[in-house]
Amino acid sequence: MQYSPSLARTLQGTCAVSGLRKRSVVLAGHATSVALEPEFWAVLDRIAARRSLSKAQLLADIDAGRGRRPLASACRLLALSWVAEHGVE
């Protein structure tokens, strides 16, 4: 997959600069936490806002559709897909 130059710079900075940030959520009745880089959280926050969902509701939706993929990976893939489609706001 080829990314736009601005997305490539964003992704490069994500890996090189940022530490992980954890958020706790209850999914399917179980407390869990998800650790992602702040840049991915920022995109997920935009997605939730655009869809009129709380962050917990968005994570529940991601969880429901992720299959056997780790939740953090599913979150990152959704964020990457969103940025590829909508650009960096």
C-alpha atoms as a PDB file:
ATOM      1  CA  MET A   1       0.000   0.000   0.000  1.00  0.00           C
ATOM      2  CA  GLN A   2       1.344   3.412  -0.898  1.00  0.00           C
ATOM      3  CA  TYR A   3       0.618   6.372   1.365  1.00  0.00           C
ATOM      4  CA  SER A   4       0.502  10.051   0.551  1.00  0.00           C
ATOM      5  CA  PRO A   5       3.606  12.018   1.605  1.00  0.00           C
ATOM      6  CA  SER A   6       1.730  13.720   4.463  1.00  0.00           C
ATOM      7  CA  LEU A   7       0.394  10.412   5.794  1.00  0.00           C
ATOM      8  CA  ALA A   8       3.845   8.831   5.492  1.00  0.00           C
ATOM      9  CA  ARG A   9       5.323  11.690   7.548  1.00  0.00           C
ATOM     10  CA  THR A  10       2.565  11.291  10.136  1.00  0.00           C
ATOM     11  CA  LEU A  11       3.155   7.549  10.410  1.00  0.00           C
ATOM     12  CA  GLN A  12       6.901   7.977  10.572  1.00  0.00           C
ATOM     13  CA  GLY A  13       6.566  10.493  13.404  1.00  0.00           C
ATOM     14  CA  THR A  14       4.110   8.229  15.197  1.00  0.00           C
ATOM     15  CA  CYS A  15       6.631   5.426  15.510  1.00  0.00           C
ATOM     16  CA  ALA A  16       9.660   7.565  16.222  1.00  0.00           C
ATOM     17  CA  VAL A  17       8.370  10.161  18.661  1.00  0.00           C
ATOM     18  CA  SER A  18       5.347   9.051  20.641  1.00  0.00           C
ATOM     19  CA  GLY A  19       4.829   6.750  23.573  1.00  0.00           C
ATOM     20  CA  LEU A  20       1.733   4.662  24.039  1.00  0.00           C
ATOM     21  CA  ARG A  21      -1.325   6.031  25.823  1.00  0.00           C
ATOM     22  CA  LYS A  22      -3.777   3.685  27.508  1.00  0.00           C
ATOM     23  CA  ARG A  23      -7.530   4.053  27.690  1.00  0.00           C
ATOM     24  CA  SER A  24      -9.751   1.797  29.745  1.00  0.00           C
ATOM     25  CA  VAL A  25     -13.095   0.569  28.462  1.00  0.00           C
ATOM     26  CA  VAL A  26     -15.675  -2.110  29.207  1.00  0.00           C
ATOM     27  CA  LEU A  27     -16.289  -4.326  26.171  1.00  0.00           C
ATOM     28  CA  ALA A  28     -18.850  -7.129  26.245  1.00  0.00           C
ATOM     29  CA  GLY A  29     -19.016  -6.800  30.029  1.00  0.00           C
ATOM     30  CA  HIS A  30     -15.251  -7.090  30.556  1.00  0.00           C
ATOM     31  CA  ALA A  31     -12.914  -4.291  31.592  1.00  0.00           C
ATOM     32  CA  THR A  32      -9.915  -3.936  29.300  1.00  0.00           C
ATOM     33  CA  SER A  33      -7.468  -1.292  28.214  1.00  0.00           C
ATOM     34  CA  VAL A  34      -6.128  -0.347  24.819  1.00  0.00           C
ATOM     35  CA  ALA A  35      -2.667   1.167  24.352  1.00  0.00           C
ATOM     36  CA  LEU A  36      -2.101   3.259  21.221  1.00  0.00           C
ATOM     37  CA  GLU A  37       0.078   6.123  20.136  1.00  0.00           C
ATOM     38  CA  PRO A  38      -1.549   9.551  20.687  1.00  0.00           C
ATOM     39  CA  GLU A  39      -1.790  10.152  16.938  1.00  0.00           C
ATOM     40  CA  PHE A  40      -3.999   7.085  16.530  1.00  0.00           C
ATOM     41  CA  TRP A  41      -6.172   8.170  19.470  1.00  0.00           C
ATOM     42  CA  ALA A  42      -6.593  11.574  17.821  1.00  0.00           C
ATOM     43  CA  VAL A  43      -7.874   9.953  14.627  1.00  0.00           C
ATOM     44  CA  LEU A  44     -10.178   7.611  16.540  1.00  0.00           C
ATOM     45  CA  ASP A  45     -11.546  10.603  18.474  1.00  0.00           C
ATOM     46  CA  ARG A  46     -12.362  12.305  15.134  1.00  0.00           C
ATOM     47  CA  ILE A  47     -14.035   9.153  13.826  1.00  0.00           C
ATOM     48  CA  ALA A  48     -16.173   8.871  16.969  1.00  0.00           C
ATOM     49  CA  ALA A  49     -17.162  12.529  16.745  1.00  0.00           C
ATOM     50  CA  ARG A  50     -18.028  12.248  13.051  1.00  0.00           C
ATOM     51  CA  ARG A  51     -20.156   9.176  13.736  1.00  0.00           C
ATOM     52  CA  SER A  52     -21.782  10.767  16.821  1.00  0.00           C
ATOM     53  CA  LEU A  53     -20.456   7.980  19.027  1.00  0.00           C
ATOM     54  CA  SER A  54     -18.709   8.035  22.358  1.00  0.00           C
ATOM     55  CA  LYS A  55     -15.166   6.698  22.353  1.00  0.00           C
ATOM     56  CA  ALA A  56     -16.432   3.644  24.246  1.00  0.00           C
ATOM     57  CA  GLN A  57     -19.106   3.030  21.603  1.00  0.00           C
ATOM     58  CA  LEU A  58     -16.549   3.302  18.799  1.00  0.00           C
ATOM     59  CA  LEU A  59     -14.243   0.844  20.566  1.00  0.00           C
ATOM     60  CA  ALA A  60     -17.190  -1.529  21.063  1.00  0.00           C
ATOM     61  CA  ASP A  61     -17.939  -1.340  17.324  1.00  0.00           C
ATOM     62  CA  ILE A  62     -14.291  -2.020  16.485  1.00  0.00           C
ATOM     63  CA  ASP A  63     -14.253  -4.908  18.966  1.00  0.00           C
ATOM     64  CA  ALA A  64     -17.387  -6.447  17.472  1.00  0.00           C
ATOM     65  CA  GLY A  65     -15.907  -6.456  13.962  1.00  0.00           C
ATOM     66  CA  ARG A  66     -12.278  -7.361  14.605  1.00  0.00           C
ATOM     67  CA  GLY A  67     -12.529 -11.148  14.535  1.00  0.00           C
ATOM     68  CA  ARG A  68      -9.304 -12.675  15.881  1.00  0.00           C
ATOM     69  CA  ARG A  69      -7.235  -9.537  15.263  1.00  0.00           C
ATOM     70  CA  PRO A  70      -5.888  -7.819  18.406  1.00  0.00           C
ATOM     71  CA  LEU A  71      -8.007  -4.822  19.414  1.00  0.00           C
ATOM     72  CA  ALA A  72      -5.107  -2.357  19.211  1.00  0.00           C
ATOM     73  CA  SER A  73      -4.292  -3.557  15.693  1.00  0.00           C
ATOM     74  CA  ALA A  74      -7.923  -3.226  14.625  1.00  0.00           C
ATOM     75  CA  CYS A  75      -7.960   0.337  16.018  1.00  0.00           C
ATOM     76  CA  ARG A  76      -4.799   1.253  14.121  1.00  0.00           C
ATOM     77  CA  LEU A  77      -6.143  -0.220  10.878  1.00  0.00           C
ATOM     78  CA  LEU A  78      -9.388   1.739  11.185  1.00  0.00           C
ATOM     79  CA  ALA A  79      -7.419   4.932  11.846  1.00  0.00           C
ATOM     80  CA  LEU A  80      -5.145   4.320   8.841  1.00  0.00           C
ATOM     81  CA  SER A  81      -8.123   3.601   6.613  1.00  0.00           C
ATOM     82  CA  TRP A  82      -9.874   6.763   7.817  1.00  0.00           C
ATOM     83  CA  VAL A  83      -6.837   8.957   7.150  1.00  0.00           C
ATOM     84  CA  ALA A  84      -6.305   7.393   3.734  1.00  0.00           C
ATOM     85  CA  GLU A  85      -9.926   8.180   2.841  1.00  0.00           C
ATOM     86  CA  HIS A  86     -10.450  11.544   4.583  1.00  0.00           C
ATOM     87  CA  GLY A  87      -6.918  12.917   4.920  1.00  0.00           C
ATOM     88  CA  VAL A  88      -5.319  14.448   7.969  1.00  0.00           C
ATOM     89  CA  GLU A  89      -7.611  17.135   9.361  1.00  0.00           C
END
